[in-house]
N, C-alpha and C. Protein backbone atom coordinates (compact mmCIF):
# COMPACT_ATOMS: atom_id res chain seq x y z
N MET A 1 -13.23 -10.38 15.88
CA MET A 1 -13.12 -9.72 14.83
C MET A 1 -12.58 -7.87 14.85
N SER A 2 -11.53 -8.00 14.15
CA SER A 2 -11.15 -6.36 14.61
C SER A 2 -11.86 -5.99 13.69
N GLU A 3 -12.14 -4.44 13.87
CA GLU A 3 -12.90 -3.17 13.42
C GLU A 3 -12.65 -3.05 11.67
N LEU A 4 -11.18 -3.63 11.60
CA LEU A 4 -10.73 -3.71 10.42
C LEU A 4 -11.52 -4.75 9.28
N GLU A 5 -11.34 -6.29 10.21
CA GLU A 5 -12.20 -7.44 9.39
C GLU A 5 -13.07 -7.15 8.76
N GLN A 6 -13.69 -7.00 10.09
CA GLN A 6 -15.35 -6.33 9.92
C GLN A 6 -15.49 -5.64 9.09
N ALA A 7 -15.25 -4.61 8.32
CA ALA A 7 -15.02 -3.66 7.61
C ALA A 7 -14.96 -3.98 6.22
N LEU A 8 -13.72 -4.44 6.22
CA LEU A 8 -13.76 -5.12 4.76
C LEU A 8 -15.03 -6.41 4.44
N ARG A 9 -14.66 -7.21 5.39
CA ARG A 9 -16.09 -8.03 5.18
C ARG A 9 -17.42 -7.28 4.41
N SER A 10 -17.77 -6.41 5.59
CA SER A 10 -18.87 -6.17 5.09
C SER A 10 -19.28 -4.58 3.67
N CYS A 11 -17.67 -4.11 3.46
CA CYS A 11 -18.17 -3.51 1.98
C CYS A 11 -17.86 -4.81 1.08
N GLY A 12 -17.38 -5.95 0.98
CA GLY A 12 -17.61 -6.69 0.34
C GLY A 12 -15.90 -7.19 -0.61
N ALA A 13 -15.06 -6.77 1.03
CA ALA A 13 -13.93 -6.73 -0.53
C ALA A 13 -13.66 -7.96 0.05
N LEU A 14 -13.78 -8.93 0.40
CA LEU A 14 -13.37 -10.36 0.33
C LEU A 14 -14.45 -11.18 -0.30
N GLN A 15 -13.55 -12.43 -1.47
CA GLN A 15 -14.59 -12.43 -2.13
C GLN A 15 -14.04 -14.16 -2.46
N PHE A 16 -14.78 -14.86 -2.36
CA PHE A 16 -14.43 -16.44 -3.03
C PHE A 16 -14.75 -16.94 -3.91
N GLY A 17 -13.78 -17.83 -4.64
CA GLY A 17 -14.11 -18.25 -5.95
C GLY A 17 -12.69 -18.82 -6.39
N ASP A 18 -12.42 -19.07 -7.74
CA ASP A 18 -10.98 -19.04 -8.14
C ASP A 18 -10.12 -17.82 -8.90
N PHE A 19 -9.58 -17.37 -8.72
CA PHE A 19 -9.10 -16.20 -8.81
C PHE A 19 -7.45 -16.27 -9.22
N VAL A 20 -6.62 -15.30 -10.53
CA VAL A 20 -5.27 -15.51 -10.83
C VAL A 20 -4.55 -13.98 -9.61
N LEU A 21 -3.88 -14.33 -9.27
CA LEU A 21 -3.10 -13.23 -8.75
C LEU A 21 -2.41 -12.24 -9.30
N ALA A 22 -1.95 -11.05 -9.55
CA ALA A 22 -1.02 -10.27 -10.10
C ALA A 22 0.70 -10.93 -10.23
N SER A 23 1.09 -11.85 -8.87
CA SER A 23 1.78 -12.26 -8.92
C SER A 23 1.31 -13.61 -10.13
N GLY A 24 0.37 -13.68 -10.73
CA GLY A 24 0.04 -14.80 -11.02
C GLY A 24 -0.30 -16.19 -10.24
N ALA A 25 0.11 -16.26 -9.46
CA ALA A 25 -0.44 -17.31 -8.64
C ALA A 25 -1.71 -17.08 -8.99
N HIS A 26 -2.45 -18.64 -8.31
CA HIS A 26 -4.08 -19.03 -7.72
C HIS A 26 -4.09 -19.31 -6.21
N SER A 27 -5.53 -18.47 -5.99
CA SER A 27 -6.09 -18.04 -5.27
C SER A 27 -7.59 -19.03 -5.59
N ASN A 28 -8.66 -18.92 -3.90
CA ASN A 28 -9.83 -19.65 -3.81
C ASN A 28 -10.17 -18.21 -2.85
N TYR A 29 -9.85 -16.84 -2.50
CA TYR A 29 -10.34 -16.03 -2.29
C TYR A 29 -9.31 -15.07 -2.68
N TYR A 30 -10.03 -13.39 -3.38
CA TYR A 30 -9.38 -12.52 -3.67
C TYR A 30 -10.02 -10.99 -2.67
N ILE A 31 -8.71 -10.29 -2.52
CA ILE A 31 -9.29 -9.15 -1.61
C ILE A 31 -8.99 -8.40 -2.63
N ASP A 32 -10.56 -7.31 -2.56
CA ASP A 32 -10.73 -6.52 -3.43
C ASP A 32 -10.58 -4.95 -2.83
N ILE A 33 -9.09 -4.34 -2.53
CA ILE A 33 -9.66 -3.58 -1.58
C ILE A 33 -9.94 -2.36 -2.21
N LYS A 34 -10.14 -2.39 -3.62
CA LYS A 34 -10.62 -0.90 -4.44
C LYS A 34 -12.19 -1.06 -3.67
N LYS A 35 -13.02 -2.02 -3.54
CA LYS A 35 -13.81 -1.89 -2.43
C LYS A 35 -14.32 -1.42 -1.71
N ALA A 36 -13.06 -1.21 -0.70
CA ALA A 36 -12.88 -0.32 0.30
C ALA A 36 -12.27 0.74 0.50
N SER A 37 -11.55 0.84 -0.34
CA SER A 37 -11.36 2.56 -0.79
C SER A 37 -12.24 3.11 -1.69
N THR A 38 -12.83 3.02 -1.95
CA THR A 38 -13.52 3.83 -2.83
C THR A 38 -15.37 3.70 -1.78
N ASN A 39 -14.77 3.85 -0.63
CA ASN A 39 -16.17 3.24 0.38
C ASN A 39 -15.53 4.28 1.43
N PRO A 40 -16.23 5.70 1.86
CA PRO A 40 -15.81 7.00 2.46
C PRO A 40 -15.32 6.08 3.49
N SER A 41 -16.48 5.58 4.65
CA SER A 41 -15.85 4.76 5.86
C SER A 41 -15.11 4.06 5.79
N VAL A 42 -14.85 3.15 5.08
CA VAL A 42 -13.73 2.45 5.13
C VAL A 42 -12.10 3.02 4.66
N LEU A 43 -12.18 3.60 4.07
CA LEU A 43 -11.16 4.18 3.85
C LEU A 43 -10.88 5.27 4.46
N ARG A 44 -11.87 6.12 5.57
CA ARG A 44 -11.32 6.65 6.60
C ARG A 44 -10.61 5.79 8.13
N LEU A 45 -11.22 4.36 7.81
CA LEU A 45 -10.88 3.60 8.70
C LEU A 45 -9.39 3.66 8.55
N ILE A 46 -9.19 2.48 7.45
CA ILE A 46 -7.91 2.56 6.73
C ILE A 46 -6.92 3.70 7.00
N ALA A 47 -7.17 4.64 6.46
CA ALA A 47 -6.22 6.08 6.67
C ALA A 47 -6.12 6.14 8.40
N ARG A 48 -7.00 6.07 9.40
CA ARG A 48 -6.64 5.97 10.60
C ARG A 48 -5.92 4.93 11.56
N LEU A 49 -6.08 3.82 10.64
CA LEU A 49 -5.34 2.64 11.44
C LEU A 49 -4.25 2.89 10.53
N MET A 50 -3.60 3.31 9.39
CA MET A 50 -1.76 3.41 9.48
C MET A 50 -1.54 4.38 10.16
N ALA A 51 -2.53 5.26 10.19
CA ALA A 51 -1.52 6.37 11.00
C ALA A 51 -1.19 6.16 12.46
N GLU A 52 -2.14 5.05 13.16
CA GLU A 52 -2.25 4.40 14.03
C GLU A 52 -0.37 3.73 14.18
N ARG A 53 -0.68 3.05 13.07
CA ARG A 53 0.26 2.15 12.91
C ARG A 53 1.90 2.90 12.76
N MET A 54 1.87 3.68 11.65
CA MET A 54 2.57 4.84 11.54
C MET A 54 3.67 4.87 12.98
N GLU A 55 2.56 5.81 13.67
CA GLU A 55 2.76 6.27 15.17
C GLU A 55 3.73 5.34 16.04
N ALA A 56 3.24 4.32 15.79
CA ALA A 56 3.09 3.08 17.23
C ALA A 56 4.94 2.38 16.54
N ASP A 57 5.18 2.17 15.12
CA ASP A 57 6.62 1.72 14.53
C ASP A 57 7.29 2.90 14.78
N GLY A 58 6.88 4.14 14.78
CA GLY A 58 7.99 5.35 14.71
C GLY A 58 7.97 5.64 13.47
N ILE A 59 7.32 5.32 12.67
CA ILE A 59 7.70 5.80 10.95
C ILE A 59 7.54 7.72 10.79
N ARG A 60 8.25 8.18 10.35
CA ARG A 60 8.08 9.39 10.67
C ARG A 60 8.42 10.31 9.52
N PRO A 61 7.90 10.27 8.12
CA PRO A 61 8.30 10.46 6.60
C PRO A 61 7.68 11.54 6.26
N ASP A 62 8.83 11.79 5.05
CA ASP A 62 8.78 13.84 4.64
C ASP A 62 7.55 13.15 3.74
N ARG A 63 7.31 12.11 3.30
CA ARG A 63 6.56 11.71 2.00
C ARG A 63 5.83 10.71 1.38
N ILE A 64 4.14 10.34 2.04
CA ILE A 64 3.86 9.42 1.66
C ILE A 64 4.14 8.69 -0.10
N ALA A 65 3.49 7.70 -0.61
CA ALA A 65 3.67 7.17 -2.00
C ALA A 65 2.88 6.04 -2.07
N GLY A 66 1.92 6.92 -3.26
CA GLY A 66 0.60 5.71 -3.40
C GLY A 66 1.65 4.73 -5.15
N VAL A 67 1.42 3.75 -5.20
CA VAL A 67 1.32 3.01 -6.65
C VAL A 67 0.34 3.31 -7.33
N VAL A 68 0.37 3.82 -8.78
CA VAL A 68 -0.77 4.49 -9.38
C VAL A 68 -1.49 2.94 -9.62
N LEU A 69 -2.64 2.29 -9.65
CA LEU A 69 -3.62 3.23 -9.39
C LEU A 69 -4.66 2.68 -8.03
N GLY A 70 -4.30 1.28 -7.85
CA GLY A 70 -4.61 1.06 -6.46
C GLY A 70 -4.10 1.59 -5.19
N SER A 71 -3.46 2.20 -4.97
CA SER A 71 -2.70 2.98 -3.34
C SER A 71 -2.98 4.23 -3.42
N VAL A 72 -3.20 4.56 -4.83
CA VAL A 72 -3.39 6.50 -4.92
C VAL A 72 -4.61 7.10 -3.33
N PRO A 73 -5.29 6.30 -3.56
CA PRO A 73 -6.71 6.73 -2.89
C PRO A 73 -6.24 6.78 -1.15
N LEU A 74 -5.43 5.32 -0.73
CA LEU A 74 -4.56 5.15 0.24
C LEU A 74 -4.24 6.03 0.75
N ALA A 75 -3.00 7.08 -0.17
CA ALA A 75 -2.24 7.28 0.26
C ALA A 75 -2.42 8.97 0.37
N ALA A 76 -3.81 9.25 -0.22
CA ALA A 76 -4.17 10.43 -0.73
C ALA A 76 -4.85 10.50 0.89
N ALA A 77 -5.51 9.59 1.52
CA ALA A 77 -6.66 9.36 2.40
C ALA A 77 -5.41 9.27 3.71
N LEU A 78 -4.50 8.91 3.60
CA LEU A 78 -3.29 8.98 4.94
C LEU A 78 -2.68 10.06 4.83
N SER A 79 -2.46 10.65 3.89
CA SER A 79 -2.14 12.29 3.54
C SER A 79 -2.69 13.15 4.64
N LEU A 80 -4.54 13.25 4.02
CA LEU A 80 -5.72 14.12 4.89
C LEU A 80 -5.55 13.58 6.10
N GLU A 81 -5.22 12.19 6.87
CA GLU A 81 -5.55 11.97 8.21
C GLU A 81 -4.35 12.54 8.88
N THR A 82 -2.67 12.45 8.22
CA THR A 82 -1.54 12.54 8.73
C THR A 82 -0.73 14.22 8.72
N ASN A 83 -1.72 15.63 7.52
CA ASN A 83 -1.07 16.47 6.51
C ASN A 83 0.57 16.09 6.25
N ILE A 84 0.95 15.05 5.62
CA ILE A 84 1.96 14.64 5.06
C ILE A 84 1.74 14.58 3.83
N PRO A 85 2.54 15.79 2.39
CA PRO A 85 2.08 15.75 1.37
C PRO A 85 2.38 14.51 1.09
N TYR A 86 1.65 13.51 -0.37
CA TYR A 86 2.34 12.21 -1.08
C TYR A 86 2.58 12.40 -2.62
N VAL A 87 2.85 11.39 -2.67
CA VAL A 87 3.37 11.48 -4.40
C VAL A 87 2.69 10.10 -5.28
N MET A 88 3.13 10.73 -6.43
CA MET A 88 2.05 8.94 -7.02
C MET A 88 3.64 8.64 -8.12
N ILE A 89 3.16 6.82 -8.13
CA ILE A 89 4.19 6.35 -8.53
C ILE A 89 3.35 5.84 -9.69
N ARG A 90 4.03 6.07 -10.81
CA ARG A 90 3.35 5.57 -12.22
C ARG A 90 4.02 3.99 -12.47
N LYS A 91 3.52 3.11 -13.26
CA LYS A 91 4.01 1.75 -13.30
C LYS A 91 5.22 2.01 -14.24
N GLU A 92 4.71 2.46 -15.39
CA GLU A 92 5.32 3.00 -16.72
C GLU A 92 5.35 4.74 -17.26
N LYS A 93 6.29 5.37 -17.63
CA LYS A 93 6.02 6.80 -18.15
C LYS A 93 4.99 6.47 -19.08
N LYS A 94 4.40 7.59 -19.21
CA LYS A 94 3.52 8.54 -20.13
C LYS A 94 4.26 8.40 -21.58
N ASP A 95 3.32 8.39 -22.44
CA ASP A 95 4.70 9.26 -24.18
C ASP A 95 3.53 10.64 -24.12
N HIS A 96 3.01 11.25 -23.15
CA HIS A 96 2.22 12.57 -22.97
C HIS A 96 3.00 13.54 -21.41
N GLY A 97 2.50 14.35 -22.12
CA GLY A 97 2.31 15.72 -20.26
C GLY A 97 4.05 15.63 -20.52
N THR A 98 4.63 15.37 -18.84
CA THR A 98 5.35 15.27 -18.09
C THR A 98 6.23 14.29 -18.57
N GLY A 99 5.71 13.23 -18.62
CA GLY A 99 6.34 12.02 -18.74
C GLY A 99 6.92 11.12 -18.25
N LYS A 100 6.91 11.67 -16.53
CA LYS A 100 7.59 10.81 -15.12
C LYS A 100 6.57 10.20 -14.61
N LEU A 101 7.81 9.37 -13.58
CA LEU A 101 6.75 8.65 -13.18
C LEU A 101 6.92 8.60 -11.66
N ILE A 102 7.03 10.12 -11.60
CA ILE A 102 7.07 10.04 -9.67
C ILE A 102 5.67 11.45 -10.08
N GLU A 103 4.69 11.58 -9.35
CA GLU A 103 3.68 12.56 -10.04
C GLU A 103 3.87 13.01 -8.01
N GLY A 104 3.90 14.69 -8.51
CA GLY A 104 3.97 15.32 -6.89
C GLY A 104 5.28 15.75 -6.81
N ASP A 105 5.73 16.31 -5.27
CA ASP A 105 6.97 17.22 -5.12
C ASP A 105 7.64 16.04 -4.53
N LEU A 106 8.61 15.93 -4.66
CA LEU A 106 9.62 14.60 -4.08
C LEU A 106 11.25 15.39 -4.25
N CYS A 107 11.76 15.41 -3.29
CA CYS A 107 13.21 16.19 -2.93
C CYS A 107 14.27 15.19 -2.41
N GLU A 108 15.48 14.92 -3.02
CA GLU A 108 16.82 14.94 -2.55
C GLU A 108 16.39 14.40 -1.01
N GLY A 109 16.57 13.34 -0.66
CA GLY A 109 16.50 13.01 0.69
C GLY A 109 15.61 12.92 1.70
N ASP A 110 14.09 13.30 0.63
CA ASP A 110 13.05 13.03 1.39
C ASP A 110 12.89 11.35 2.31
N ARG A 111 12.10 11.36 3.29
CA ARG A 111 12.18 10.08 3.41
C ARG A 111 10.60 9.84 3.57
N VAL A 112 10.03 7.79 2.54
CA VAL A 112 9.73 8.02 1.92
C VAL A 112 8.77 6.76 2.51
N LEU A 113 7.33 6.98 3.01
CA LEU A 113 6.64 5.59 3.24
C LEU A 113 5.80 5.21 2.20
N VAL A 114 5.77 4.32 1.53
CA VAL A 114 5.12 3.34 0.53
C VAL A 114 4.07 2.82 1.30
N VAL A 115 3.01 3.01 0.38
CA VAL A 115 1.55 2.68 0.94
C VAL A 115 1.11 1.93 0.15
N GLU A 116 0.74 0.57 0.50
CA GLU A 116 -0.14 -0.53 -0.74
C GLU A 116 -1.01 -0.72 0.08
N ASP A 117 -1.76 -1.58 -0.83
CA ASP A 117 -3.28 -1.84 -0.87
C ASP A 117 -3.08 -4.01 0.05
N VAL A 118 -2.64 -4.13 -0.80
CA VAL A 118 -2.62 -5.37 -0.73
C VAL A 118 -1.05 -6.07 -1.30
N ILE A 119 -0.34 -6.87 -0.52
CA ILE A 119 1.08 -7.11 -1.14
C ILE A 119 1.30 -8.85 -0.32
N THR A 120 1.84 -9.73 -1.92
CA THR A 120 1.91 -10.77 -2.02
C THR A 120 3.47 -11.43 -1.92
N THR A 121 3.80 -10.88 -2.68
CA THR A 121 4.89 -11.10 -3.27
C THR A 121 5.86 -9.51 -3.00
N ALA A 122 5.85 -8.80 -3.24
CA ALA A 122 5.64 -7.46 -3.12
C ALA A 122 6.64 -6.26 -4.43
N GLY A 123 5.98 -7.49 -5.37
CA GLY A 123 6.77 -7.15 -6.66
C GLY A 123 6.58 -5.40 -7.31
N SER A 124 5.38 -5.10 -7.25
CA SER A 124 5.30 -3.55 -7.49
C SER A 124 5.67 -2.79 -6.21
N SER A 125 5.58 -2.75 -5.00
CA SER A 125 6.82 -2.08 -3.95
C SER A 125 7.65 -2.17 -4.33
N ILE A 126 8.71 -3.21 -4.74
CA ILE A 126 10.14 -3.33 -5.07
C ILE A 126 10.41 -2.31 -5.96
N LYS A 127 9.56 -2.63 -7.02
CA LYS A 127 9.54 -1.97 -8.33
C LYS A 127 9.59 0.06 -7.95
N ALA A 128 8.30 0.31 -7.42
CA ALA A 128 8.69 1.38 -6.58
C ALA A 128 9.45 1.96 -5.82
N ILE A 129 9.55 1.58 -4.78
CA ILE A 129 11.01 1.83 -3.92
C ILE A 129 11.89 2.20 -4.88
N GLY A 130 12.68 0.93 -6.23
CA GLY A 130 13.03 1.70 -7.06
C GLY A 130 13.71 2.82 -7.64
N THR A 131 12.09 3.19 -7.98
CA THR A 131 11.83 4.50 -8.86
C THR A 131 12.53 5.39 -7.65
N LEU A 132 11.47 5.56 -6.34
CA LEU A 132 11.55 6.19 -5.29
C LEU A 132 13.23 6.48 -5.19
N ARG A 133 13.76 5.85 -4.89
CA ARG A 133 14.98 5.36 -4.57
C ARG A 133 16.70 6.37 -5.76
N GLU A 134 16.11 5.70 -7.06
CA GLU A 134 17.09 6.60 -8.32
C GLU A 134 16.86 7.75 -8.02
N ASN A 135 15.44 8.42 -7.29
CA ASN A 135 15.20 9.45 -7.31
C ASN A 135 15.72 10.42 -6.49
N GLY A 136 16.34 10.26 -5.97
CA GLY A 136 16.99 10.53 -4.57
C GLY A 136 16.10 10.00 -3.13
N ALA A 137 14.96 9.66 -2.96
CA ALA A 137 14.33 9.53 -2.11
C ALA A 137 15.43 8.40 -0.96
N GLU A 138 15.31 8.34 -0.05
CA GLU A 138 14.99 6.75 1.02
C GLU A 138 14.17 6.81 1.65
N VAL A 139 13.63 4.80 1.25
CA VAL A 139 12.79 4.38 1.63
C VAL A 139 13.40 2.81 2.42
N THR A 140 12.64 3.09 3.88
CA THR A 140 12.82 2.14 4.69
C THR A 140 11.68 0.96 5.53
N ASP A 141 10.43 1.55 5.11
CA ASP A 141 9.27 1.18 5.29
C ASP A 141 8.05 1.33 4.13
N VAL A 142 7.21 -0.06 4.31
CA VAL A 142 5.67 -0.10 3.45
C VAL A 142 5.05 -0.42 4.57
N VAL A 143 3.83 -0.03 4.62
CA VAL A 143 2.76 -0.25 4.83
C VAL A 143 1.85 -0.53 4.08
N SER A 144 0.57 -1.61 4.40
CA SER A 144 0.18 -2.47 3.26
C SER A 144 -1.56 -2.09 4.52
N VAL A 145 -2.61 -2.49 3.68
CA VAL A 145 -3.78 -2.84 4.44
C VAL A 145 -3.97 -4.69 4.64
N ILE A 146 -3.35 -4.94 3.55
CA ILE A 146 -3.12 -7.03 3.56
C ILE A 146 -2.14 -7.01 3.45
N ASP A 147 -1.58 -8.13 4.69
CA ASP A 147 -0.18 -8.81 3.74
C ASP A 147 -1.04 -10.62 3.68
N ARG A 148 -0.69 -10.65 2.21
CA ARG A 148 -1.02 -12.08 1.40
C ARG A 148 -0.49 -13.18 2.49
N GLU A 149 0.51 -12.90 2.75
CA GLU A 149 1.97 -14.15 3.47
C GLU A 149 2.40 -14.54 2.46
N GLY A 150 2.91 -13.86 0.78
CA GLY A 150 3.30 -14.86 -0.11
C GLY A 150 5.34 -14.41 -0.47
N GLY A 151 5.63 -13.92 1.18
CA GLY A 151 7.08 -13.66 0.83
C GLY A 151 7.05 -11.87 0.62
N GLY A 152 6.06 -11.58 0.50
CA GLY A 152 6.38 -10.09 0.46
C GLY A 152 7.61 -9.56 1.59
N ARG A 153 7.51 -9.81 2.78
CA ARG A 153 7.91 -9.48 3.63
C ARG A 153 9.47 -9.89 3.76
N GLU A 154 9.50 -10.98 3.13
CA GLU A 154 10.64 -11.62 3.17
C GLU A 154 11.65 -10.56 2.17
N ASN A 155 10.93 -10.74 1.03
CA ASN A 155 11.55 -10.08 -0.21
C ASN A 155 11.37 -8.29 -0.21
N LEU A 156 10.93 -7.86 0.96
CA LEU A 156 11.04 -6.32 1.12
C LEU A 156 12.86 -6.05 2.62
N ALA A 157 12.48 -7.49 3.10
CA ALA A 157 13.53 -7.44 4.31
C ALA A 157 14.80 -7.56 3.29
N GLU A 158 14.85 -8.00 1.94
CA GLU A 158 16.28 -8.15 1.53
C GLU A 158 16.79 -7.19 0.82
N ILE A 159 16.02 -5.89 0.73
CA ILE A 159 16.43 -5.09 -0.15
C ILE A 159 16.16 -3.88 1.25
N GLY A 160 16.36 -3.76 2.54
CA GLY A 160 16.11 -3.53 3.35
C GLY A 160 15.16 -2.11 4.08
N VAL A 161 13.93 -3.39 3.76
CA VAL A 161 12.72 -2.38 3.68
C VAL A 161 12.01 -3.03 4.91
N GLY A 162 11.37 -2.12 5.93
CA GLY A 162 10.72 -2.88 7.31
C GLY A 162 9.26 -2.72 6.38
N PHE A 163 8.46 -4.04 6.67
CA PHE A 163 6.81 -3.94 6.64
C PHE A 163 5.59 -4.09 7.47
N HIS A 164 4.51 -3.40 6.92
CA HIS A 164 3.67 -2.71 8.46
C HIS A 164 2.49 -3.34 8.17
N PRO A 165 2.22 -4.87 8.02
CA PRO A 165 0.55 -4.95 7.26
C PRO A 165 -0.02 -4.58 8.55
N LEU A 166 -1.10 -4.20 8.17
CA LEU A 166 -2.62 -3.79 8.95
C LEU A 166 -3.11 -5.69 8.92
N VAL A 167 -3.38 -5.84 8.60
CA VAL A 167 -4.32 -7.19 8.92
C VAL A 167 -3.78 -8.43 7.97
N SER A 168 -3.43 -10.07 8.26
CA SER A 168 -2.74 -11.08 7.43
C SER A 168 -4.10 -11.41 6.65
N ALA A 169 -3.86 -11.85 5.49
CA ALA A 169 -5.02 -12.08 4.49
C ALA A 169 -5.58 -13.80 5.19
N SER A 170 -4.32 -14.29 6.47
CA SER A 170 -5.21 -15.57 6.71
C SER A 170 -5.76 -15.45 8.51
N GLN A 171 -6.24 -14.12 8.93
CA GLN A 171 -6.74 -13.61 10.07
C GLN A 171 -7.84 -13.15 9.26
N LEU A 172 -8.31 -12.71 8.10
CA LEU A 172 -9.01 -12.55 7.14
C LEU A 172 -10.28 -13.57 6.69
N VAL A 173 -9.65 -14.72 6.16
CA VAL A 173 -10.04 -15.50 5.67
C VAL A 173 -10.37 -16.37 6.94
N LYS A 174 -9.63 -16.46 7.78
CA LYS A 174 -10.46 -17.23 9.29
C LYS A 174 -11.29 -16.37 10.24
N GLY A 175 -11.41 -15.39 9.76
CA GLY A 175 -12.99 -14.57 10.54
C GLY A 175 -13.71 -14.70 10.52
């Protein structure tokens, strides 16, 4: 069992029961990455492993992006690990404040790495990528902690985006 699998299990991120996922699918297990991302040692481990994956796969972004709420701690931790600035992508515009969908500095032509916690179909990632691209960013890669193996890799490939998970759900569940 990998260091990450052990950390996710020990912090209680892997749960068994009857769950409905964001995609609407039913599952007999749930991976609660918020339990991991609120634990400093597990969050630090995830950031280190994501930075290592970026290096190994030759991913060199100008910005890191996290989708509010679940992926923002991951993006912030990875930003601290790599010294690459990050932005936050809102799921919808707010009626108050600036009303922006992207919080943080983003320049036309910036190469942006989208960071996710768990990807099943990649629906929220694809929406965030659309927002980033509409604002002039170049997005070619997504890094996630978990691949639930629900078509996310294929859906991202359809829009020209590579997928780099740290661990698959099947590895985690069987471990």
